[in-house]
Amino acid sequence: LLPNVKHLTLRSNGNLCASLGPAPPQGPTLETITLQITKLACAAVSAARLIKSILTKQKERGEWEAFRELVVMNYDHATDKGDNKILKAYNRDEALEWCERREETEDVCVII
């Protein structure tokens, strides 16, 4: 990720296979992450893994207070547009808890 990024938006209708690799000494200090995801896909688990990795690295760098929220939105991959409906917004600690819950429910395919 670019070091000056403050707001990150991820859009997924399937499995995210992204890797951040080794943490740079100074990564981005994100303030918000917006996840646009289809309600019908099991993409929440892989998105949660990626988001958890990003947030954990930010926390380890001592930049946790800068992060404000994770916003989870509906995304309709069939029409390639979302309905802009916010399913849920999570503050910093709730965002990590959301990621952990998604990892625990890998076989269940739920978003919220």
Protein backbone atom coordinates (compact mmCIF):
# COMPACT_ATOMS: atom_id res chain seq x y z
CA LEU A 1 0.00 0.00 0.00
CA LEU A 2 1.08 3.55 -0.62
CA PRO A 3 2.43 5.30 2.49
CA ASN A 4 0.15 8.36 2.15
CA VAL A 5 -3.15 6.49 1.80
CA LYS A 6 -5.70 7.56 4.44
CA HIS A 7 -8.91 6.03 3.08
CA LEU A 8 -8.97 2.59 1.48
CA THR A 9 -11.92 1.12 -0.44
CA LEU A 10 -12.02 -2.59 -1.27
CA ARG A 11 -14.63 -4.03 -3.62
CA SER A 12 -15.08 -7.78 -3.81
CA ASN A 13 -17.53 -10.25 -5.26
CA GLY A 14 -15.37 -13.26 -4.52
CA ASN A 15 -12.20 -14.45 -2.84
CA LEU A 16 -9.54 -11.82 -2.20
CA CYS A 17 -6.10 -13.32 -2.63
CA ALA A 18 -4.10 -10.23 -1.75
CA SER A 19 -0.94 -10.26 0.28
CA LEU A 20 0.77 -7.33 1.87
CA GLY A 21 4.11 -9.08 2.18
CA PRO A 22 6.57 -7.98 4.84
CA ALA A 23 5.56 -4.84 6.68
CA PRO A 24 7.48 -1.77 5.59
CA PRO A 25 8.97 0.28 8.41
CA GLN A 26 6.40 2.99 7.72
CA GLY A 27 3.19 1.79 6.13
CA PRO A 28 0.04 3.80 5.48
CA THR A 29 -1.78 5.25 8.46
CA LEU A 30 -5.35 4.50 7.46
CA GLU A 31 -8.24 6.43 8.91
CA THR A 32 -11.03 4.49 7.22
CA ILE A 33 -11.60 1.31 5.26
CA THR A 34 -14.73 0.86 3.16
CA LEU A 35 -15.57 -2.67 2.11
CA GLN A 36 -18.06 -3.03 -0.75
CA ILE A 37 -19.07 -6.66 -0.82
CA THR A 38 -21.88 -8.76 -2.20
CA LYS A 39 -24.25 -10.10 0.42
CA LEU A 40 -24.45 -13.45 -1.33
CA ALA A 41 -20.75 -14.27 -1.62
CA CYS A 42 -18.41 -15.86 0.89
CA ALA A 43 -15.97 -13.05 0.18
CA ALA A 44 -16.28 -11.68 3.71
CA VAL A 45 -13.80 -14.21 5.10
CA SER A 46 -10.97 -13.37 2.73
CA ALA A 47 -11.70 -9.64 2.98
CA ALA A 48 -11.61 -9.93 6.78
CA ARG A 49 -8.21 -11.62 6.66
CA LEU A 50 -6.77 -8.84 4.52
CA ILE A 51 -8.32 -6.07 6.62
CA LYS A 52 -7.17 -7.71 9.84
CA SER A 53 -3.63 -7.89 8.47
CA ILE A 54 -3.68 -4.21 7.51
CA LEU A 55 -5.12 -3.11 10.87
CA THR A 56 -2.84 -5.34 12.94
CA LYS A 57 0.24 -3.91 11.23
CA GLN A 58 -1.01 -0.38 11.81
CA LYS A 59 -1.64 -1.18 15.46
CA GLU A 60 1.86 -2.70 15.85
CA ARG A 61 3.37 0.51 14.44
CA GLY A 62 1.63 2.49 17.20
CA GLU A 63 -0.72 4.24 14.76
CA TRP A 64 -3.94 2.65 15.96
CA GLU A 65 -5.53 5.89 17.19
CA ALA A 66 -5.61 7.27 13.63
CA PHE A 67 -7.97 4.51 12.45
CA ARG A 68 -11.62 5.53 12.87
CA GLU A 69 -13.89 3.02 11.18
CA LEU A 70 -14.57 0.12 8.88
CA VAL A 71 -17.69 0.56 6.75
CA VAL A 72 -19.25 -2.55 5.20
CA MET A 73 -21.50 -1.82 2.22
CA ASN A 74 -23.59 -3.89 -0.17
CA TYR A 75 -22.15 -4.39 -3.66
CA ASP A 76 -24.10 -5.98 -6.53
CA HIS A 77 -21.52 -7.68 -8.72
CA ALA A 78 -24.13 -8.62 -11.34
CA THR A 79 -24.74 -4.98 -12.24
CA ASP A 80 -21.28 -3.77 -11.19
CA LYS A 81 -22.74 -1.20 -8.89
CA GLY A 82 -23.64 -1.05 -5.25
CA ASP A 83 -26.87 0.19 -3.84
CA ASN A 84 -24.78 2.36 -1.49
CA LYS A 85 -26.48 0.77 1.47
CA ILE A 86 -24.27 0.75 4.53
CA LEU A 87 -24.78 -2.61 6.18
CA LYS A 88 -22.77 -1.70 9.25
CA ALA A 89 -20.04 0.65 10.43
CA TYR A 90 -17.49 -0.46 13.03
CA ASN A 91 -15.18 1.71 15.12
CA ARG A 92 -11.50 0.74 15.47
CA ASP A 93 -11.79 -2.08 18.01
CA GLU A 94 -15.10 -3.29 16.60
CA ALA A 95 -13.45 -3.49 13.16
CA LEU A 96 -10.88 -6.00 14.41
CA GLU A 97 -13.64 -7.92 16.19
CA TRP A 98 -15.60 -8.05 12.91
CA CYS A 99 -12.56 -9.52 11.18
CA GLU A 100 -12.15 -12.14 13.89
CA ARG A 101 -15.85 -13.10 13.74
CA ARG A 102 -15.63 -13.53 9.96
CA GLU A 103 -12.64 -15.84 10.36
CA GLU A 104 -14.58 -17.88 12.92
CA THR A 105 -17.58 -18.23 10.57
CA GLU A 106 -15.63 -19.29 7.49
CA ASP A 107 -18.15 -22.02 6.65
CA VAL A 108 -21.22 -19.91 7.25
CA CYS A 109 -20.83 -17.12 4.65
CA VAL A 110 -22.46 -14.24 6.55
CA ILE A 111 -21.39 -10.62 6.41
CA ILE A 112 -22.80 -9.00 9.52
